């Protein structure tokens, strides 16, 4: 186990009787159908749980011709020198963990696409707009989400911060990498995935693992999650055919021959340009790093079929998700459930916990990565842990703890015997 300073047990509640009463009220709701649980005071505004069809016209059109990407470089063990640096220690070995690298789409690229597609949507005449409105990737809703993302990371029932990559997701990747488990043939679910780095990391570790990804916003899945899956699996930038580079070299030589008669200054400028090294994400230089995706609908469709062999995408609210999945039995459920930065609102704890409880296989485990407290929205690890312990179904323990400005932890949930 990882340990830093203190655990969740070291903190106390201001009013234990009130806390226990609140937990008793919540646990009574566990006997109710999952659909009746809601995080919002206006359930009608919630997006119902559904499966995202990545072979649909909407998803295929949302894939840009070129993805601008960067590398998330995640040290499995952080070591720092200075008060502002977060430090985590592996008390079992004391060894430094290796760096985990995951490709991720650049956030500015996502925002540019949303704004650009909204302009195209506005340019449509009324007839075309009414005909294509179901297939529009962005439209007014997209720009609304973009505007909200600029003002707030959390807008209940509308936007849940999924465009960004949050710290606890990186903690979860680091922890998974350190465990070095075999995921061949395993079935994994990441709830509230956003950029989905933990789930994507597992996809890179096995060709037979099944990793399903869920997020509230369908646009997050289309513009962030799906491109990130592609960047790390079937169109990895570091595994592109060498012939492409050879063709680029040949084209460069032809251009050089055509310009032999140009004046000396221009030649010097061209030589300078040729000598300038290309951006390399492995060196931490992300500017101008891009990857071309297939441009034909047939090639895109073939790519989506490959993705679906290992991944199913779910969108919408957690209530109804278990019914949507329609498990045939315990063996049909998940071996591992991952979630990070999803307990920020205490009113959503019961719904998240019920989803985990009803989706996890006996003998499986769930990993919940979170900050110990979320300022301004009220959620905290202690409240979520009280709910779990009151239900008395899971063993729960802290398996990772990191001291930063706000302490971050990973809880492990396993069924009691």
Protein backbone atom coordinates (compact mmCIF):
# COMPACT_ATOMS: atom_id res chain seq x y z
CA UNK A 1 0.00 0.00 0.00
CA UNK A 2 1.08 3.56 -0.66
CA UNK A 3 0.95 5.87 2.34
CA UNK A 4 1.64 9.54 2.93
CA UNK A 5 1.22 11.19 6.34
CA UNK A 6 -2.31 10.10 7.26
CA UNK A 7 -5.40 8.29 6.04
CA UNK A 8 -9.11 9.02 5.87
CA UNK A 9 -9.53 7.49 9.32
CA UNK A 10 -7.55 10.35 10.89
CA UNK A 11 -10.28 12.92 10.20
CA UNK A 12 -13.41 13.43 12.30
CA UNK A 13 -16.90 14.73 11.59
CA UNK A 14 -18.22 17.83 13.29
CA UNK A 15 -21.59 16.18 13.97
CA UNK A 16 -21.40 12.35 13.94
CA UNK A 17 -25.11 11.87 14.78
CA UNK A 18 -26.21 14.05 11.89
CA UNK A 19 -23.78 12.27 9.54
CA UNK A 20 -25.08 8.84 10.59
CA UNK A 21 -28.70 9.91 10.13
CA UNK A 22 -27.94 11.17 6.61
CA UNK A 23 -26.27 7.86 5.75
CA UNK A 24 -29.28 5.89 7.09
CA UNK A 25 -31.59 7.91 4.85
CA UNK A 26 -29.37 7.31 1.83
CA UNK A 27 -29.02 3.59 2.42
CA UNK A 28 -32.80 3.19 2.50
CA UNK A 29 -32.72 4.36 -1.13
CA UNK A 30 -30.47 1.45 -2.13
CA UNK A 31 -33.51 -0.81 -2.13
CA UNK A 32 -35.22 1.42 -4.69
CA UNK A 33 -34.86 0.92 -8.46
CA UNK A 34 -31.67 2.51 -9.74
CA UNK A 35 -33.66 4.68 -12.17
CA UNK A 36 -35.27 6.57 -9.28
CA UNK A 37 -31.94 7.95 -8.09
CA UNK A 38 -31.02 11.41 -9.33
CA UNK A 39 -28.21 13.90 -8.76
CA UNK A 40 -30.32 16.83 -9.89
CA UNK A 41 -33.33 18.62 -8.50
CA UNK A 42 -34.72 18.58 -12.06
CA UNK A 43 -34.52 14.93 -13.24
CA UNK A 44 -36.23 15.85 -16.51
CA UNK A 45 -33.11 17.74 -17.56
CA UNK A 46 -30.86 14.71 -17.18
CA UNK A 47 -29.55 12.92 -20.25
CA UNK A 48 -30.79 9.31 -20.06
CA UNK A 49 -28.23 6.52 -20.16
CA UNK A 50 -27.66 5.12 -23.65
CA UNK A 51 -25.00 3.49 -25.79
CA UNK A 52 -23.13 5.75 -28.18
CA UNK A 53 -23.11 4.37 -31.72
CA UNK A 54 -19.60 5.18 -32.93
CA UNK A 55 -20.50 3.92 -36.40
CA UNK A 56 -23.21 6.55 -36.73
CA UNK A 57 -22.99 9.46 -39.16
CA UNK A 58 -22.65 11.84 -36.23
CA UNK A 59 -19.58 10.08 -34.81
CA UNK A 60 -17.91 9.59 -38.17
CA UNK A 61 -18.41 13.27 -39.03
CA UNK A 62 -17.02 14.34 -35.65
CA UNK A 63 -13.65 12.75 -36.40
CA UNK A 64 -11.40 15.47 -37.81
CA UNK A 65 -9.04 14.84 -40.70
CA UNK A 66 -6.12 15.81 -38.48
CA UNK A 67 -5.70 15.32 -34.73
CA UNK A 68 -3.39 17.63 -32.80
CA UNK A 69 -2.07 15.71 -29.83
CA UNK A 70 0.38 15.79 -26.95
CA UNK A 71 1.90 13.32 -24.54
CA UNK A 72 0.76 12.89 -20.97
CA UNK A 73 3.94 11.84 -19.16
CA UNK A 74 2.98 10.25 -15.86
CA UNK A 75 5.66 9.22 -13.35
CA UNK A 76 4.62 6.06 -11.59
CA UNK A 77 6.33 7.47 -8.51
CA UNK A 78 6.56 11.25 -8.09
CA UNK A 79 9.71 12.62 -6.53
CA UNK A 80 10.10 16.31 -5.90
CA UNK A 81 12.38 18.78 -4.18
CA UNK A 82 10.47 21.79 -2.95
CA UNK A 83 7.42 22.67 -0.91
CA UNK A 84 5.20 23.07 -4.00
CA UNK A 85 5.98 19.61 -5.41
CA UNK A 86 3.65 16.70 -4.66
CA UNK A 87 5.49 13.66 -3.27
CA UNK A 88 4.27 10.06 -3.01
CA UNK A 89 6.26 7.20 -1.50
CA UNK A 90 6.04 3.46 -2.14
CA UNK A 91 6.61 2.15 1.39
CA UNK A 92 6.96 -1.43 0.16
CA UNK A 93 9.96 -0.98 -2.13
CA UNK A 94 11.08 2.64 -1.93
CA UNK A 95 11.84 2.43 -5.64
CA UNK A 96 11.12 5.06 -8.27
CA UNK A 97 8.30 4.17 -10.62
CA UNK A 98 8.79 4.42 -14.35
CA UNK A 99 7.20 7.05 -16.59
CA UNK A 100 3.93 6.12 -18.30
CA UNK A 101 3.25 7.95 -21.57
CA UNK A 102 -0.20 8.27 -23.10
CA UNK A 103 -1.17 10.25 -26.20
CA UNK A 104 -4.05 12.68 -25.71
CA UNK A 105 -5.82 15.12 -27.97
CA UNK A 106 -4.87 18.75 -27.42
CA UNK A 107 -7.62 20.66 -25.60
CA UNK A 108 -7.27 23.71 -27.82
CA UNK A 109 -7.78 21.46 -30.85
CA UNK A 110 -11.07 20.29 -29.33
CA UNK A 111 -12.25 23.83 -28.63
CA UNK A 112 -11.32 24.94 -32.14
CA UNK A 113 -13.36 22.09 -33.65
CA UNK A 114 -16.41 22.92 -31.52
CA UNK A 115 -16.29 26.58 -32.55
CA UNK A 116 -15.65 25.74 -36.21
CA UNK A 117 -18.52 23.27 -36.44
CA UNK A 118 -20.86 25.74 -34.79
CA UNK A 119 -20.02 28.27 -37.52
CA UNK A 120 -20.80 25.63 -40.14
CA UNK A 121 -24.07 24.81 -38.35
CA UNK A 122 -25.13 28.46 -38.33
CA UNK A 123 -24.33 28.72 -42.05
CA UNK A 124 -26.89 26.04 -42.93
CA UNK A 125 -30.27 27.22 -44.24
CA UNK A 126 -33.32 26.33 -42.17
CA UNK A 127 -34.26 23.29 -44.27
CA UNK A 128 -30.79 21.81 -44.12
CA UNK A 129 -30.54 22.57 -40.42
CA UNK A 130 -33.79 20.78 -39.58
CA UNK A 131 -32.75 17.78 -41.70
CA UNK A 132 -29.25 17.46 -40.24
CA UNK A 133 -29.84 18.60 -36.69
CA UNK A 134 -29.62 15.07 -35.25
CA UNK A 135 -26.28 14.53 -36.95
CA UNK A 136 -24.77 17.91 -36.02
CA UNK A 137 -21.67 17.39 -33.91
CA UNK A 138 -21.68 20.75 -32.24
CA UNK A 139 -24.33 23.30 -33.14
CA UNK A 140 -25.63 25.61 -30.42
CA UNK A 141 -25.30 22.91 -27.77
CA UNK A 142 -21.62 22.49 -28.52
CA UNK A 143 -20.82 26.15 -28.15
CA UNK A 144 -22.96 26.30 -25.02
CA UNK A 145 -20.83 23.56 -23.50
CA UNK A 146 -17.67 25.36 -24.62
CA UNK A 147 -18.83 28.61 -23.03
CA UNK A 148 -19.73 26.81 -19.82
CA UNK A 149 -16.35 25.06 -19.77
CA UNK A 150 -14.72 28.47 -19.79
CA UNK A 151 -16.78 29.73 -16.85
CA UNK A 152 -17.08 26.61 -14.72
CA UNK A 153 -15.89 23.03 -14.69
CA UNK A 154 -19.17 21.73 -13.29
CA UNK A 155 -22.63 22.64 -14.56
CA UNK A 156 -25.15 20.17 -13.21
CA UNK A 157 -26.96 18.24 -15.93
CA UNK A 158 -25.08 20.03 -18.71
CA UNK A 159 -21.30 19.84 -18.38
CA UNK A 160 -19.18 17.79 -15.99
CA UNK A 161 -15.67 18.91 -16.83
CA UNK A 162 -14.95 16.03 -19.19
CA UNK A 163 -12.95 18.08 -21.70
CA UNK A 164 -10.07 18.32 -19.24
CA UNK A 165 -7.70 15.76 -17.75
CA UNK A 166 -7.82 15.87 -13.96
CA UNK A 167 -5.07 15.03 -11.46
CA UNK A 168 -6.70 11.97 -9.94
CA UNK A 169 -6.95 10.33 -13.36
CA UNK A 170 -3.16 10.58 -13.58
CA UNK A 171 -2.86 9.11 -10.07
CA UNK A 172 -5.00 6.19 -11.18
CA UNK A 173 -2.81 5.56 -14.24
CA UNK A 174 0.28 5.67 -12.03
CA UNK A 175 -1.23 3.22 -9.56
CA UNK A 176 -2.39 0.80 -12.26
CA UNK A 177 1.06 0.86 -13.85
CA UNK A 178 2.74 0.10 -10.53
CA UNK A 179 0.49 -2.90 -9.87
CA UNK A 180 1.57 -4.66 -13.11
CA UNK A 181 -1.48 -6.93 -13.17
CA UNK A 182 -2.42 -9.13 -16.11
CA UNK A 183 -5.60 -7.83 -17.77
CA UNK A 184 -5.87 -10.43 -20.53
CA UNK A 185 -9.50 -11.41 -20.93
CA UNK A 186 -10.66 -9.03 -18.22
CA UNK A 187 -13.69 -6.77 -18.46
CA UNK A 188 -13.22 -3.17 -17.26
CA UNK A 189 -15.55 -0.16 -16.93
CA UNK A 190 -14.46 3.46 -16.44
CA UNK A 191 -17.25 5.67 -15.10
CA UNK A 192 -17.15 9.42 -15.80
CA UNK A 193 -14.19 8.77 -18.07
CA UNK A 194 -13.63 12.17 -19.78
CA UNK A 195 -10.23 11.89 -21.43
CA UNK A 196 -10.21 8.23 -20.25
CA UNK A 197 -6.48 7.92 -19.57
CA UNK A 198 -6.84 5.11 -16.96
CA UNK A 199 -9.02 2.99 -19.23
CA UNK A 200 -6.85 3.73 -22.24
CA UNK A 201 -3.75 2.71 -20.31
CA UNK A 202 -5.30 -0.72 -19.77
CA UNK A 203 -6.15 -0.95 -23.47
CA UNK A 204 -2.44 -0.53 -24.21
CA UNK A 205 -1.55 -3.39 -21.86
CA UNK A 206 -3.55 -6.17 -23.49
CA UNK A 207 -5.13 -6.98 -26.84
CA UNK A 208 -7.81 -9.11 -25.18
CA UNK A 209 -8.96 -6.77 -22.39
CA UNK A 210 -12.44 -5.25 -22.81
CA UNK A 211 -12.57 -1.63 -21.57
CA UNK A 212 -15.94 0.13 -21.68
CA UNK A 213 -16.05 3.90 -21.25
CA UNK A 214 -18.88 6.06 -19.87
CA UNK A 215 -19.28 9.83 -19.69
CA UNK A 216 -22.27 12.10 -19.20
CA UNK A 217 -21.66 14.21 -22.33
CA UNK A 218 -21.82 12.61 -25.77
CA UNK A 219 -19.61 15.39 -27.19
CA UNK A 220 -16.89 14.56 -24.68
CA UNK A 221 -17.00 10.96 -25.92
CA UNK A 222 -16.90 12.03 -29.58
CA UNK A 223 -14.34 14.83 -29.39
CA UNK A 224 -12.06 13.68 -26.56
CA UNK A 225 -12.55 10.07 -25.47
CA UNK A 226 -12.79 8.41 -28.89
CA UNK A 227 -9.84 10.35 -30.40
CA UNK A 228 -7.73 9.46 -27.36
CA UNK A 229 -8.59 5.78 -27.78
CA UNK A 230 -7.56 5.97 -31.45
CA UNK A 231 -4.29 7.78 -30.67
CA UNK A 232 -3.23 5.00 -28.30
CA UNK A 233 -4.47 1.93 -30.17
CA UNK A 234 -5.16 1.61 -33.89
CA UNK A 235 -3.51 4.82 -35.11
CA UNK A 236 -0.71 5.35 -32.60
CA UNK A 237 1.62 8.13 -33.80
CA UNK A 238 4.70 6.11 -32.85
CA UNK A 239 3.58 3.11 -34.90
CA UNK A 240 2.86 4.75 -38.25
CA UNK A 241 4.35 3.02 -41.32
CA UNK A 242 7.90 4.05 -42.17
CA UNK A 243 6.89 4.42 -45.83
CA UNK A 244 5.13 7.65 -44.98
CA UNK A 245 8.38 9.18 -43.83
CA UNK A 246 10.14 7.98 -46.99
CA UNK A 247 7.49 9.59 -49.18
CA UNK A 248 7.90 12.85 -47.29
CA UNK A 249 11.66 12.72 -47.84
CA UNK A 250 11.18 12.09 -51.56
CA UNK A 251 8.77 15.02 -51.82
CA UNK A 252 11.26 17.23 -50.03
CA UNK A 253 14.03 16.24 -52.46
CA UNK A 254 11.82 17.03 -55.44
CA UNK A 255 11.00 20.44 -54.04
CA UNK A 256 14.67 21.09 -53.45
CA UNK A 257 15.52 20.30 -57.09
CA UNK A 258 12.80 22.65 -58.34
CA UNK A 259 14.23 25.49 -56.26
CA UNK A 260 17.86 25.12 -57.36
CA UNK A 261 17.65 28.27 -59.46
CA UNK A 262 16.23 30.41 -56.67
CA UNK A 263 18.31 33.25 -55.24
CA UNK A 264 20.89 32.60 -52.52
CA UNK A 265 18.91 34.10 -49.66
CA UNK A 266 15.89 31.95 -50.36
CA UNK A 267 18.12 28.86 -50.54
CA UNK A 268 19.65 29.73 -47.19
CA UNK A 269 16.20 30.13 -45.67
CA UNK A 270 15.13 26.78 -47.07
CA UNK A 271 18.27 25.10 -45.69
CA UNK A 272 17.52 26.57 -42.28
CA UNK A 273 13.99 25.20 -42.47
CA UNK A 274 15.25 21.75 -43.46
CA UNK A 275 17.72 21.68 -40.60
CA UNK A 276 15.09 22.61 -38.02
CA UNK A 277 14.10 19.39 -36.20
CA UNK A 278 10.49 18.27 -36.28
CA UNK A 279 8.47 18.38 -33.09
CA UNK A 280 8.85 15.19 -31.11
CA UNK A 281 6.31 14.45 -28.36
CA UNK A 282 8.84 12.20 -26.65
CA UNK A 283 11.00 15.29 -26.09
CA UNK A 284 8.11 17.19 -24.58
CA UNK A 285 7.70 19.43 -27.66
CA UNK A 286 4.01 19.28 -28.51
CA UNK A 287 3.64 22.27 -30.83
CA UNK A 288 2.70 21.26 -34.35
CA UNK A 289 2.47 17.56 -33.47
CA UNK A 290 -0.39 16.16 -35.49
CA UNK A 291 -1.69 12.93 -36.97
CA UNK A 292 -3.81 12.48 -40.09
CA UNK A 293 -6.84 10.19 -39.78
CA UNK A 294 -8.45 8.31 -42.68
CA UNK A 295 -10.49 10.72 -44.80
CA UNK A 296 -12.94 8.31 -46.44
CA UNK A 297 -16.14 7.19 -44.74
CA UNK A 298 -15.31 3.55 -45.50
CA UNK A 299 -11.90 3.75 -43.80
CA UNK A 300 -13.35 5.56 -40.79
CA UNK A 301 -16.06 2.94 -40.48
CA UNK A 302 -13.49 0.15 -40.59
CA UNK A 303 -11.56 1.94 -37.84
CA UNK A 304 -14.67 2.20 -35.66
CA UNK A 305 -15.31 -1.53 -36.07
CA UNK A 306 -11.82 -2.25 -34.75
CA UNK A 307 -12.42 0.02 -31.76
CA UNK A 308 -15.71 -1.75 -30.97
CA UNK A 309 -13.91 -5.07 -30.66
CA UNK A 310 -12.53 -3.88 -27.31
CA UNK A 311 -14.61 -0.87 -26.27
CA UNK A 312 -18.25 0.12 -25.87
CA UNK A 313 -19.11 3.77 -25.21
CA UNK A 314 -21.95 4.80 -22.89
CA UNK A 315 -23.33 8.29 -22.40
CA UNK A 316 -25.80 9.99 -20.07
CA UNK A 317 -26.73 9.78 -16.42
CA UNK A 318 -25.69 6.89 -14.17
CA UNK A 319 -29.30 6.11 -13.29
CA UNK A 320 -30.51 3.49 -15.73
CA UNK A 321 -26.98 2.49 -16.78
CA UNK A 322 -27.15 -0.92 -15.08
CA UNK A 323 -30.51 -1.68 -16.68
CA UNK A 324 -29.11 -0.60 -20.06
CA UNK A 325 -26.21 -3.03 -19.72
CA UNK A 326 -28.67 -5.86 -18.92
CA UNK A 327 -26.22 -8.22 -17.23
CA UNK A 328 -27.20 -11.87 -17.68
CA UNK A 329 -25.49 -12.89 -14.46
CA UNK A 330 -22.53 -12.21 -12.20
CA UNK A 331 -20.03 -13.51 -14.74
CA UNK A 332 -21.30 -10.94 -17.23
CA UNK A 333 -20.31 -8.07 -14.92
CA UNK A 334 -17.00 -6.22 -14.69
CA UNK A 335 -13.77 -7.51 -13.17
CA UNK A 336 -12.58 -3.95 -12.54
CA UNK A 337 -14.38 -0.61 -12.28
CA UNK A 338 -12.42 2.63 -12.44
CA UNK A 339 -13.55 6.16 -11.68
CA UNK A 340 -11.74 9.39 -10.89
CA UNK A 341 -12.89 12.84 -9.78
CA UNK A 342 -16.53 11.74 -9.73
CA UNK A 343 -17.43 12.23 -6.04
CA UNK A 344 -17.24 16.04 -6.09
CA UNK A 345 -20.99 16.37 -5.38
CA UNK A 346 -22.26 14.46 -2.34
CA UNK A 347 -25.74 14.24 -3.81
CA UNK A 348 -24.37 11.97 -6.57
CA UNK A 349 -22.58 9.56 -4.21
CA UNK A 350 -25.48 7.15 -3.85
CA UNK A 351 -26.02 6.85 -7.58
CA UNK A 352 -22.32 6.27 -8.27
CA UNK A 353 -22.05 3.73 -5.47
CA UNK A 354 -25.20 1.88 -6.61
CA UNK A 355 -23.83 1.70 -10.15
CA UNK A 356 -20.55 0.24 -8.91
CA UNK A 357 -22.32 -2.19 -6.59
CA UNK A 358 -24.59 -3.53 -9.32
CA UNK A 359 -21.98 -3.67 -12.09
CA UNK A 360 -19.03 -5.28 -10.28
CA UNK A 361 -18.42 -9.01 -10.42
CA UNK A 362 -17.94 -10.99 -7.20
CA UNK A 363 -14.19 -11.27 -6.79
CA UNK A 364 -13.66 -8.05 -8.74
CA UNK A 365 -12.64 -4.66 -7.41
CA UNK A 366 -13.38 -0.99 -7.91
CA UNK A 367 -10.85 1.83 -7.69
CA UNK A 368 -12.15 5.30 -6.80
CA UNK A 369 -9.59 8.10 -7.21
CA UNK A 370 -10.52 11.43 -5.70
CA UNK A 371 -9.46 14.48 -3.73
CA UNK A 372 -10.27 14.31 -0.04
CA UNK A 373 -12.44 17.43 -0.40
CA UNK A 374 -13.90 19.48 -3.26
CA UNK A 375 -14.18 23.15 -2.37
CA UNK A 376 -17.36 24.84 -3.53
CA UNK A 377 -19.29 21.66 -4.43
CA UNK A 378 -19.26 19.79 -1.13
CA UNK A 379 -18.15 16.29 -2.06
CA UNK A 380 -15.42 14.49 -0.12
CA UNK A 381 -13.94 11.04 0.32
CA UNK A 382 -15.14 10.68 3.91
CA UNK A 383 -18.81 11.06 2.96
CA UNK A 384 -18.45 8.53 0.16
CA UNK A 385 -16.58 6.13 2.41
CA UNK A 386 -19.23 6.42 5.14
CA UNK A 387 -21.88 5.43 2.60
CA UNK A 388 -19.91 2.34 1.58
CA UNK A 389 -19.17 1.23 5.12
CA UNK A 390 -22.77 1.77 6.23
CA UNK A 391 -24.00 -0.54 3.48
CA UNK A 392 -21.60 -3.22 4.80
CA UNK A 393 -21.22 -4.91 1.41
CA UNK A 394 -17.65 -3.90 0.53
CA UNK A 395 -14.31 -3.91 2.21
CA UNK A 396 -12.81 -0.47 1.58
CA UNK A 397 -9.23 0.65 2.04
CA UNK A 398 -6.88 3.40 0.92
CA UNK A 399 -4.32 1.96 -1.52
CA UNK A 400 -2.76 5.23 -2.67
CA UNK A 401 -2.30 8.55 -0.93
CA UNK A 402 -0.54 11.65 -2.17
CA UNK A 403 -0.10 14.92 -0.30
CA UNK A 404 -0.61 18.00 -2.47
CA UNK A 405 -2.49 21.25 -1.84
CA UNK A 406 -5.54 19.02 -1.40
CA UNK A 407 -4.66 15.45 -0.50
CA UNK A 408 -5.61 12.83 -3.10
CA UNK A 409 -6.39 9.17 -2.50
CA UNK A 410 -7.44 5.99 -4.26
CA UNK A 411 -9.98 3.77 -2.50
CA UNK A 412 -10.19 0.07 -3.30
CA UNK A 413 -13.59 -1.63 -2.97
CA UNK A 414 -13.87 -5.43 -2.80
CA UNK A 415 -16.90 -7.55 -1.85
CA UNK A 416 -16.95 -8.97 1.65
CA UNK A 417 -16.94 -12.74 1.93
